[in-house]
Amino acid sequence: MPRLLVPSTKGVALVLYHADVERRMVNFYGSLSEKDRRRYAAVEAKKLGRGGMAYISALFGCDRGTIRSAEEEVERLPKDEAAGGAENGDHSTTTG
C-alpha cells in the first residue's frame, strides 16, 4: 500500500501512520458494516485533528461529507435509541 501524505500547515507533507498500521486500519474498516465504517472514519478523523479528515478520507476512500455527517451521528450515540445497549450503564439481565 502506498504511503498517504497529508499537507501540513507549513506546506510539508506528513505521513500520519506507519504503513502497517494503515493496512490494519483499512482491513478493519473493510470488515465493518456501512454504518460502523462511517462512524469509525469520523472517530479517526476527529482524533487526528487538523488534516485528519483529508487523511482518513484518502485512506478509506470515503467522502469527506460522509465523515462530517458521521461526526454528528457519533455525537448523538449516547442519546440514539436505535443504537441499543443498556440504559444508564445497567448491564444486568432479568431472569424469570
PDB file of N, CA and C in Angstrom:
ATOM      1  N   MET A   1       0.856  -1.175   0.000  1.00  0.00           N
ATOM      2  CA  MET A   1       0.000   0.000   0.000  1.00  0.00           C
ATOM      3  C   MET A   1       0.895   1.229   0.000  1.00  0.00           C
ATOM      4  N   PRO A   2       0.614   2.192  -0.908  1.00  0.00           N
ATOM      5  CA  PRO A   2       1.425   3.412  -0.897  1.00  0.00           C
ATOM      6  C   PRO A   2       1.148   4.244   0.340  1.00  0.00           C
ATOM      7  N   ARG A   3       2.155   4.963   0.791  1.00  0.00           N
ATOM      8  CA  ARG A   3       2.014   5.819   1.969  1.00  0.00           C
ATOM      9  C   ARG A   3       1.183   7.040   1.605  1.00  0.00           C
ATOM     10  N   LEU A   4       0.292   7.416   2.494  1.00  0.00           N
ATOM     11  CA  LEU A   4      -0.523   8.606   2.284  1.00  0.00           C
ATOM     12  C   LEU A   4       0.170   9.805   2.894  1.00  0.00           C
ATOM     13  N   LEU A   5       0.201  10.876   2.158  1.00  0.00           N
ATOM     14  CA  LEU A   5       0.823  12.106   2.632  1.00  0.00           C
ATOM     15  C   LEU A   5      -0.251  13.180   2.727  1.00  0.00           C
ATOM     16  N   VAL A   6      -0.250  13.901   3.805  1.00  0.00           N
ATOM     17  CA  VAL A   6      -1.202  14.979   4.024  1.00  0.00           C
ATOM     18  C   VAL A   6      -0.415  16.263   4.198  1.00  0.00           C
ATOM     19  N   PRO A   7      -0.789  17.322   3.469  1.00  0.00           N
ATOM     20  CA  PRO A   7      -0.057  18.580   3.641  1.00  0.00           C
ATOM     21  C   PRO A   7      -0.249  19.142   5.036  1.00  0.00           C
ATOM     22  N   SER A   8       0.813  19.621   5.615  1.00  0.00           N
ATOM     23  CA  SER A   8       0.719  20.256   6.926  1.00  0.00           C
ATOM     24  C   SER A   8       0.452  21.742   6.745  1.00  0.00           C
ATOM     25  N   THR A   9       0.308  22.451   7.841  1.00  0.00           N
ATOM     26  CA  THR A   9       0.063  23.885   7.767  1.00  0.00           C
ATOM     27  C   THR A   9       1.288  24.638   7.273  1.00  0.00           C
ATOM     28  N   LYS A  10       2.450  24.019   7.298  1.00  0.00           N
ATOM     29  CA  LYS A  10       3.676  24.688   6.854  1.00  0.00           C
ATOM     30  C   LYS A  10       4.097  24.241   5.456  1.00  0.00           C
ATOM     31  N   GLY A  11       3.203  23.541   4.743  1.00  0.00           N
ATOM     32  CA  GLY A  11       3.497  23.131   3.377  1.00  0.00           C
ATOM     33  C   GLY A  11       4.360  21.890   3.262  1.00  0.00           C
ATOM     34  N   VAL A  12       4.620  21.202   4.358  1.00  0.00           N
ATOM     35  CA  VAL A  12       5.411  19.979   4.336  1.00  0.00           C
ATOM     36  C   VAL A  12       4.454  18.800   4.493  1.00  0.00           C
ATOM     37  N   ALA A  13       4.597  17.802   3.625  1.00  0.00           N
ATOM     38  CA  ALA A  13       3.716  16.642   3.694  1.00  0.00           C
ATOM     39  C   ALA A  13       4.099  15.767   4.881  1.00  0.00           C
ATOM     40  N   LEU A  14       3.101  15.301   5.593  1.00  0.00           N
ATOM     41  CA  LEU A  14       3.322  14.455   6.759  1.00  0.00           C
ATOM     42  C   LEU A  14       2.718  13.072   6.541  1.00  0.00           C
ATOM     43  N   VAL A  15       3.406  12.034   6.961  1.00  0.00           N
ATOM     44  CA  VAL A  15       2.856  10.689   6.991  1.00  0.00           C
ATOM     45  C   VAL A  15       2.329  10.502   8.402  1.00  0.00           C
ATOM     46  N   LEU A  16       1.049  10.235   8.546  1.00  0.00           N
ATOM     47  CA  LEU A  16       0.454  10.193   9.873  1.00  0.00           C
ATOM     48  C   LEU A  16       0.574   8.832  10.564  1.00  0.00           C
ATOM     49  N   TYR A  17       0.436   7.749   9.831  1.00  0.00           N
ATOM     50  CA  TYR A  17       0.545   6.417  10.431  1.00  0.00           C
ATOM     51  C   TYR A  17       1.556   5.589   9.655  1.00  0.00           C
ATOM     52  N   HIS A  18       2.176   4.654  10.329  1.00  0.00           N
ATOM     53  CA  HIS A  18       3.070   3.703   9.683  1.00  0.00           C
ATOM     54  C   HIS A  18       2.251   2.849   8.711  1.00  0.00           C
ATOM     55  N   ALA A  19       2.862   2.399   7.630  1.00  0.00           N
ATOM     56  CA  ALA A  19       2.166   1.625   6.599  1.00  0.00           C
ATOM     57  C   ALA A  19       1.477   0.389   7.171  1.00  0.00           C
ATOM     58  N   ASP A  20       2.096  -0.276   8.138  1.00  0.00           N
ATOM     59  CA  ASP A  20       1.490  -1.469   8.735  1.00  0.00           C
ATOM     60  C   ASP A  20       0.212  -1.113   9.498  1.00  0.00           C
ATOM     61  N   VAL A  21       0.229   0.011  10.174  1.00  0.00           N
ATOM     62  CA  VAL A  21      -0.963   0.457  10.907  1.00  0.00           C
ATOM     63  C   VAL A  21      -2.055   0.836   9.918  1.00  0.00           C
ATOM     64  N   GLU A  22      -1.686   1.522   8.843  1.00  0.00           N
ATOM     65  CA  GLU A  22      -2.663   1.873   7.814  1.00  0.00           C
ATOM     66  C   GLU A  22      -3.317   0.615   7.254  1.00  0.00           C
ATOM     67  N   ARG A  23      -2.516  -0.404   6.983  1.00  0.00           N
ATOM     68  CA  ARG A  23      -3.044  -1.657   6.422  1.00  0.00           C
ATOM     69  C   ARG A  23      -4.052  -2.276   7.381  1.00  0.00           C
ATOM     70  N   ARG A  24      -3.719  -2.309   8.662  1.00  0.00           N
ATOM     71  CA  ARG A  24      -4.629  -2.886   9.656  1.00  0.00           C
ATOM     72  C   ARG A  24      -5.917  -2.070   9.772  1.00  0.00           C
ATOM     73  N   MET A  25      -5.769  -0.750   9.718  1.00  0.00           N
ATOM     74  CA  MET A  25      -6.951   0.117   9.789  1.00  0.00           C
ATOM     75  C   MET A  25      -7.869  -0.131   8.596  1.00  0.00           C
ATOM     76  N   VAL A  26      -7.286  -0.236   7.406  1.00  0.00           N
ATOM     77  CA  VAL A  26      -8.080  -0.469   6.199  1.00  0.00           C
ATOM     78  C   VAL A  26      -8.750  -1.837   6.263  1.00  0.00           C
ATOM     79  N   ASN A  27      -8.041  -2.851   6.719  1.00  0.00           N
ATOM     80  CA  ASN A  27      -8.636  -4.186   6.853  1.00  0.00           C
ATOM     81  C   ASN A  27      -9.790  -4.177   7.849  1.00  0.00           C
ATOM     82  N   PHE A  28      -9.591  -3.506   8.980  1.00  0.00           N
ATOM     83  CA  PHE A  28     -10.649  -3.418   9.982  1.00  0.00           C
ATOM     84  C   PHE A  28     -11.851  -2.668   9.419  1.00  0.00           C
ATOM     85  N   TYR A  29     -11.585  -1.530   8.776  1.00  0.00           N
ATOM     86  CA  TYR A  29     -12.634  -0.717   8.158  1.00  0.00           C
ATOM     87  C   TYR A  29     -13.462  -1.572   7.195  1.00  0.00           C
ATOM     88  N   GLY A  30     -12.791  -2.390   6.401  1.00  0.00           N
ATOM     89  CA  GLY A  30     -13.475  -3.248   5.431  1.00  0.00           C
ATOM     90  C   GLY A  30     -14.335  -4.325   6.061  1.00  0.00           C
ATOM     91  N   SER A  31     -14.079  -4.656   7.313  1.00  0.00           N
ATOM     92  CA  SER A  31     -14.846  -5.704   7.988  1.00  0.00           C
ATOM     93  C   SER A  31     -16.125  -5.163   8.644  1.00  0.00           C
ATOM     94  N   LEU A  32     -16.269  -3.836   8.666  1.00  0.00           N
ATOM     95  CA  LEU A  32     -17.391  -3.217   9.366  1.00  0.00           C
ATOM     96  C   LEU A  32     -18.605  -3.037   8.462  1.00  0.00           C
ATOM     97  N   SER A  33     -19.769  -2.865   9.082  1.00  0.00           N
ATOM     98  CA  SER A  33     -20.974  -2.513   8.335  1.00  0.00           C
ATOM     99  C   SER A  33     -20.814  -1.085   7.814  1.00  0.00           C
ATOM    100  N   GLU A  34     -21.650  -0.689   6.881  1.00  0.00           N
ATOM    101  CA  GLU A  34     -21.551   0.667   6.320  1.00  0.00           C
ATOM    102  C   GLU A  34     -21.692   1.733   7.406  1.00  0.00           C
ATOM    103  N   LYS A  35     -22.650   1.541   8.307  1.00  0.00           N
ATOM    104  CA  LYS A  35     -22.868   2.499   9.401  1.00  0.00           C
ATOM    105  C   LYS A  35     -21.630   2.592  10.280  1.00  0.00           C
ATOM    106  N   ASP A  36     -21.063   1.452  10.639  1.00  0.00           N
ATOM    107  CA  ASP A  36     -19.889   1.455  11.507  1.00  0.00           C
ATOM    108  C   ASP A  36     -18.643   1.981  10.790  1.00  0.00           C
ATOM    109  N   ARG A  37     -18.563   1.781   9.468  1.00  0.00           N
ATOM    110  CA  ARG A  37     -17.458   2.358   8.696  1.00  0.00           C
ATOM    111  C   ARG A  37     -17.485   3.877   8.801  1.00  0.00           C
ATOM    112  N   ARG A  38     -18.668   4.468   8.587  1.00  0.00           N
ATOM    113  CA  ARG A  38     -18.806   5.926   8.682  1.00  0.00           C
ATOM    114  C   ARG A  38     -18.349   6.415  10.037  1.00  0.00           C
ATOM    115  N   ARG A  39     -18.839   5.756  11.076  1.00  0.00           N
ATOM    116  CA  ARG A  39     -18.554   6.191  12.437  1.00  0.00           C
ATOM    117  C   ARG A  39     -17.085   6.010  12.792  1.00  0.00           C
ATOM    118  N   TYR A  40     -16.490   4.907  12.363  1.00  0.00           N
ATOM    119  CA  TYR A  40     -15.065   4.674  12.618  1.00  0.00           C
ATOM    120  C   TYR A  40     -14.227   5.745  11.923  1.00  0.00           C
ATOM    121  N   ALA A  41     -14.570   6.054  10.669  1.00  0.00           N
ATOM    122  CA  ALA A  41     -13.845   7.089   9.934  1.00  0.00           C
ATOM    123  C   ALA A  41     -13.961   8.430  10.647  1.00  0.00           C
ATOM    124  N   ALA A  42     -15.142   8.740  11.153  1.00  0.00           N
ATOM    125  CA  ALA A  42     -15.350  10.016  11.849  1.00  0.00           C
ATOM    126  C   ALA A  42     -14.517  10.096  13.120  1.00  0.00           C
ATOM    127  N   VAL A  43     -14.482   9.007  13.877  1.00  0.00           N
ATOM    128  CA  VAL A  43     -13.705   8.994  15.122  1.00  0.00           C
ATOM    129  C   VAL A  43     -12.216   9.137  14.821  1.00  0.00           C
ATOM    130  N   GLU A  44     -11.724   8.415  13.826  1.00  0.00           N
ATOM    131  CA  GLU A  44     -10.304   8.510  13.470  1.00  0.00           C
ATOM    132  C   GLU A  44      -9.953   9.919  12.989  1.00  0.00           C
ATOM    133  N   ALA A  45     -10.805  10.513  12.155  1.00  0.00           N
ATOM    134  CA  ALA A  45     -10.532  11.856  11.642  1.00  0.00           C
ATOM    135  C   ALA A  45     -10.500  12.867  12.776  1.00  0.00           C
ATOM    136  N   LYS A  46     -11.446  12.757  13.695  1.00  0.00           N
ATOM    137  CA  LYS A  46     -11.506  13.681  14.832  1.00  0.00           C
ATOM    138  C   LYS A  46     -10.274  13.514  15.711  1.00  0.00           C
ATOM    139  N   LYS A  47      -9.855  12.294  15.911  1.00  0.00           N
ATOM    140  CA  LYS A  47      -8.692  12.001  16.751  1.00  0.00           C
ATOM    141  C   LYS A  47      -7.424  12.666  16.196  1.00  0.00           C
ATOM    142  N   LEU A  48      -7.310  12.717  14.880  1.00  0.00           N
ATOM    143  CA  LEU A  48      -6.109  13.267  14.256  1.00  0.00           C
ATOM    144  C   LEU A  48      -6.096  14.786  14.210  1.00  0.00           C
ATOM    145  N   GLY A  49      -7.247  15.405  14.326  1.00  0.00           N
ATOM    146  CA  GLY A  49      -7.292  16.871  14.294  1.00  0.00           C
ATOM    147  C   GLY A  49      -7.115  17.417  12.895  1.00  0.00           C
ATOM    148  N   ARG A  50      -6.454  18.568  12.794  1.00  0.00           N
ATOM    149  CA  ARG A  50      -6.294  19.255  11.509  1.00  0.00           C
ATOM    150  C   ARG A  50      -5.647  18.336  10.481  1.00  0.00           C
ATOM    151  N   GLY A  51      -6.266  18.216   9.326  1.00  0.00           N
ATOM    152  CA  GLY A  51      -5.770  17.349   8.260  1.00  0.00           C
ATOM    153  C   GLY A  51      -6.261  15.919   8.385  1.00  0.00           C
ATOM    154  N   GLY A  52      -6.856  15.585   9.514  1.00  0.00           N
ATOM    155  CA  GLY A  52      -7.307  14.217   9.748  1.00  0.00           C
ATOM    156  C   GLY A  52      -8.401  13.769   8.805  1.00  0.00           C
ATOM    157  N   MET A  53      -9.336  14.673   8.501  1.00  0.00           N
ATOM    158  CA  MET A  53     -10.435  14.291   7.616  1.00  0.00           C
ATOM    159  C   MET A  53      -9.914  13.976   6.215  1.00  0.00           C
ATOM    160  N   ALA A  54      -8.987  14.788   5.706  1.00  0.00           N
ATOM    161  CA  ALA A  54      -8.413  14.537   4.378  1.00  0.00           C
ATOM    162  C   ALA A  54      -7.650  13.210   4.372  1.00  0.00           C
ATOM    163  N   TYR A  55      -6.889  12.974   5.417  1.00  0.00           N
ATOM    164  CA  TYR A  55      -6.090  11.756   5.525  1.00  0.00           C
ATOM    165  C   TYR A  55      -6.984  10.515   5.575  1.00  0.00           C
ATOM    166  N   ILE A  56      -7.975  10.531   6.457  1.00  0.00           N
ATOM    167  CA  ILE A  56      -8.853   9.370   6.621  1.00  0.00           C
ATOM    168  C   ILE A  56      -9.703   9.160   5.374  1.00  0.00           C
ATOM    169  N   SER A  57     -10.165  10.249   4.766  1.00  0.00           N
ATOM    170  CA  SER A  57     -10.937  10.152   3.530  1.00  0.00           C
ATOM    171  C   SER A  57     -10.117   9.460   2.436  1.00  0.00           C
ATOM    172  N   ALA A  58      -8.854   9.848   2.313  1.00  0.00           N
ATOM    173  CA  ALA A  58      -7.973   9.230   1.316  1.00  0.00           C
ATOM    174  C   ALA A  58      -7.645   7.783   1.684  1.00  0.00           C
ATOM    175  N   LEU A  59      -7.385   7.531   2.948  1.00  0.00           N
ATOM    176  CA  LEU A  59      -7.018   6.185   3.396  1.00  0.00           C
ATOM    177  C   LEU A  59      -8.151   5.188   3.156  1.00  0.00           C
ATOM    178  N   PHE A  60      -9.370   5.568   3.530  1.00  0.00           N
ATOM    179  CA  PHE A  60     -10.509   4.656   3.420  1.00  0.00           C
ATOM    180  C   PHE A  60     -11.277   4.805   2.118  1.00  0.00           C
ATOM    181  N   GLY A  61     -10.970   5.845   1.343  1.00  0.00           N
ATOM    182  CA  GLY A  61     -11.684   6.053   0.087  1.00  0.00           C
ATOM    183  C   GLY A  61     -13.128   6.470   0.300  1.00  0.00           C
ATOM    184  N   CYS A  62     -13.363   7.246   1.353  1.00  0.00           N
ATOM    185  CA  CYS A  62     -14.732   7.687   1.632  1.00  0.00           C
ATOM    186  C   CYS A  62     -14.822   9.207   1.499  1.00  0.00           C
ATOM    187  N   ASP A  63     -16.028   9.670   1.280  1.00  0.00           N
ATOM    188  CA  ASP A  63     -16.282  11.085   1.057  1.00  0.00           C
ATOM    189  C   ASP A  63     -16.166  11.885   2.350  1.00  0.00           C
ATOM    190  N   ARG A  64     -15.606  13.076   2.267  1.00  0.00           N
ATOM    191  CA  ARG A  64     -15.469  13.930   3.452  1.00  0.00           C
ATOM    192  C   ARG A  64     -16.833  14.318   4.016  1.00  0.00           C
ATOM    193  N   GLY A  65     -17.815  14.499   3.145  1.00  0.00           N
ATOM    194  CA  GLY A  65     -19.168  14.814   3.602  1.00  0.00           C
ATOM    195  C   GLY A  65     -19.759  13.687   4.435  1.00  0.00           C
ATOM    196  N   THR A  66     -19.452  12.472   4.065  1.00  0.00           N
ATOM    197  CA  THR A  66     -19.904  11.307   4.834  1.00  0.00           C
ATOM    198  C   THR A  66     -19.270  11.325   6.215  1.00  0.00           C
ATOM    199  N   ILE A  67     -17.991  11.665   6.284  1.00  0.00           N
ATOM    200  CA  ILE A  67     -17.303  11.735   7.576  1.00  0.00           C
ATOM    201  C   ILE A  67     -17.913  12.837   8.434  1.00  0.00           C
ATOM    202  N   ARG A  68     -18.189  14.002   7.825  1.00  0.00           N
ATOM    203  CA  ARG A  68     -18.813  15.102   8.579  1.00  0.00           C
ATOM    204  C   ARG A  68     -20.164  14.687   9.152  1.00  0.00           C
ATOM    205  N   SER A  69     -20.985  14.029   8.338  1.00  0.00           N
ATOM    206  CA  SER A  69     -22.300  13.567   8.813  1.00  0.00           C
ATOM    207  C   SER A  69     -22.146  12.551   9.936  1.00  0.00           C
ATOM    208  N   ALA A  70     -21.181  11.673   9.796  1.00  0.00           N
ATOM    209  CA  ALA A  70     -20.966  10.638  10.808  1.00  0.00           C
ATOM    210  C   ALA A  70     -20.468  11.239  12.117  1.00  0.00           C
ATOM    211  N   GLU A  71     -19.757  12.365  12.061  1.00  0.00           N
ATOM    212  CA  GLU A  71     -19.339  13.025  13.301  1.00  0.00           C
ATOM    213  C   GLU A  71     -20.567  13.391  14.123  1.00  0.00           C
ATOM    214  N   GLU A  72     -21.612  13.858  13.452  1.00  0.00           N
ATOM    215  CA  GLU A  72     -22.864  14.190  14.141  1.00  0.00           C
ATOM    216  C   GLU A  72     -23.517  12.934  14.707  1.00  0.00           C
ATOM    217  N   GLU A  73     -23.492  11.848  13.937  1.00  0.00           N
ATOM    218  CA  GLU A  73     -24.041  10.576  14.416  1.00  0.00           C
ATOM    219  C   GLU A  73     -23.336  10.139  15.701  1.00  0.00           C
ATOM    220  N   VAL A  74     -22.027  10.229  15.692  1.00  0.00           N
ATOM    221  CA  VAL A  74     -21.233   9.796  16.846  1.00  0.00           C
ATOM    222  C   VAL A  74     -21.569  10.650  18.064  1.00  0.00           C
ATOM    223  N   GLU A  75     -21.764  11.942  17.856  1.00  0.00           N
ATOM    224  CA  GLU A  75     -22.127  12.831  18.972  1.00  0.00           C
ATOM    225  C   GLU A  75     -23.470  12.447  19.581  1.00  0.00           C
ATOM    226  N   ARG A  76     -24.372  11.912  18.768  1.00  0.00           N
ATOM    227  CA  ARG A  76     -25.707  11.532  19.251  1.00  0.00           C
ATOM    228  C   ARG A  76     -25.752  10.129  19.852  1.00  0.00           C
ATOM    229  N   LEU A  77     -24.708   9.354  19.729  1.00  0.00           N
ATOM    230  CA  LEU A  77     -24.756   7.937  20.129  1.00  0.00           C
ATOM    231  C   LEU A  77     -25.325   7.686  21.526  1.00  0.00           C
ATOM    232  N   PRO A  78     -24.910   8.392  22.564  1.00  0.00           N
ATOM    233  CA  PRO A  78     -25.486   8.089  23.872  1.00  0.00           C
ATOM    234  C   PRO A  78     -26.993   8.335  23.929  1.00  0.00           C
ATOM    235  N   LYS A  79     -27.493   9.191  23.043  1.00  0.00           N
ATOM    236  CA  LYS A  79     -28.906   9.530  23.024  1.00  0.00           C
ATOM    237  C   LYS A  79     -29.657   8.780  21.933  1.00  0.00           C
ATOM    238  N   ASP A  80     -28.946   8.024  21.105  1.00  0.00           N
ATOM    239  CA  ASP A  80     -29.539   7.338  19.962  1.00  0.00           C
ATOM    240  C   ASP A  80     -30.209   6.052  20.415  1.00  0.00           C
ATOM    241  N   GLU A  81     -31.542   6.054  20.485  1.00  0.00           N
ATOM    242  CA  GLU A  81     -32.282   4.889  20.961  1.00  0.00           C
ATOM    243  C   GLU A  81     -32.084   3.679  20.055  1.00  0.00           C
ATOM    244  N   ALA A  82     -31.859   3.920  18.770  1.00  0.00           N
ATOM    245  CA  ALA A  82     -31.669   2.819  17.831  1.00  0.00           C
ATOM    246  C   ALA A  82     -30.327   2.115  18.016  1.00  0.00           C
ATOM    247  N   ALA A  83     -29.416   2.728  18.778  1.00  0.00           N
ATOM    248  CA  ALA A  83     -28.089   2.157  18.964  1.00  0.00           C
ATOM    249  C   ALA A  83     -28.130   0.912  19.842  1.00  0.00           C
ATOM    250  N   GLY A  84     -29.181   0.755  20.639  1.00  0.00           N
ATOM    251  CA  GLY A  84     -29.293  -0.409  21.509  1.00  0.00           C
ATOM    252  C   GLY A  84     -28.429  -0.255  22.735  1.00  0.00           C
ATOM    253  N   GLY A  85     -28.223  -1.339  23.435  1.00  0.00           N
ATOM    254  CA  GLY A  85     -27.401  -1.294  24.645  1.00  0.00           C
ATOM    255  C   GLY A  85     -28.226  -0.994  25.871  1.00  0.00           C
ATOM    256  N   ALA A  86     -27.592  -1.112  27.006  1.00  0.00           N
ATOM    257  CA  ALA A  86     -28.279  -0.934  28.292  1.00  0.00           C
ATOM    258  C   ALA A  86     -28.402   0.543  28.633  1.00  0.00           C
ATOM    259  N   GLU A  87     -29.467   0.901  29.291  1.00  0.00           N
ATOM    260  CA  GLU A  87     -29.690   2.271  29.754  1.00  0.00           C
ATOM    261  C   GLU A  87     -28.829   2.557  30.975  1.00  0.00           C
ATOM    262  N   ASN A  88     -28.252   3.724  31.056  1.00  0.00           N
ATOM    263  CA  ASN A  88     -27.504   4.190  32.228  1.00  0.00           C
ATOM    264  C   ASN A  88     -26.441   3.197  32.711  1.00  0.00           C
ATOM    265  N   GLY A  89     -25.869   2.438  31.815  1.00  0.00           N
ATOM    266  CA  GLY A  89     -24.796   1.534  32.194  1.00  0.00           C
ATOM    267  C   GLY A  89     -25.263   0.302  32.929  1.00  0.00           C
ATOM    268  N   ASP A  90     -26.568   0.055  32.996  1.00  0.00           N
ATOM    269  CA  ASP A  90     -27.108  -1.113  33.698  1.00  0.00           C
ATOM    270  C   ASP A  90     -27.027  -2.318  32.766  1.00  0.00           C
ATOM    271  N   HIS A  91     -26.092  -3.190  33.019  1.00  0.00           N
ATOM    272  CA  HIS A  91     -25.893  -4.354  32.165  1.00  0.00           C
ATOM    273  C   HIS A  91     -26.486  -5.615  32.770  1.00  0.00           C
ATOM    274  N   SER A  92     -27.314  -5.475  33.790  1.00  0.00           N
ATOM    275  CA  SER A  92     -27.904  -6.654  34.426  1.00  0.00           C
ATOM    276  C   SER A  92     -29.010  -7.226  33.539  1.00  0.00           C
ATOM    277  N   THR A  93     -29.286  -8.489  33.726  1.00  0.00           N
ATOM    278  CA  THR A  93     -30.369  -9.122  32.978  1.00  0.00           C
ATOM    279  C   THR A  93     -31.390  -9.664  33.960  1.00  0.00           C
ATOM    280  N   THR A  94     -32.587  -9.787  33.488  1.00  0.00           N
ATOM    281  CA  THR A  94     -33.650 -10.304  34.356  1.00  0.00           C
ATOM    282  C   THR A  94     -33.938 -11.727  33.946  1.00  0.00           C
ATOM    283  N   THR A  95     -34.009 -12.604  34.903  1.00  0.00           N
ATOM    284  CA  THR A  95     -34.361 -13.986  34.599  1.00  0.00           C
ATOM    285  C   THR A  95     -35.653 -14.313  35.316  1.00  0.00           C
ATOM    286  N   GLY A  96     -36.455 -15.115  34.686  1.00  0.00           N
ATOM    287  CA  GLY A  96     -37.778 -15.369  35.220  1.00  0.00           C
ATOM    288  C   GLY A  96     -37.828 -16.625  35.935  1.00  0.00           C
TER     289      GLY A  96
END
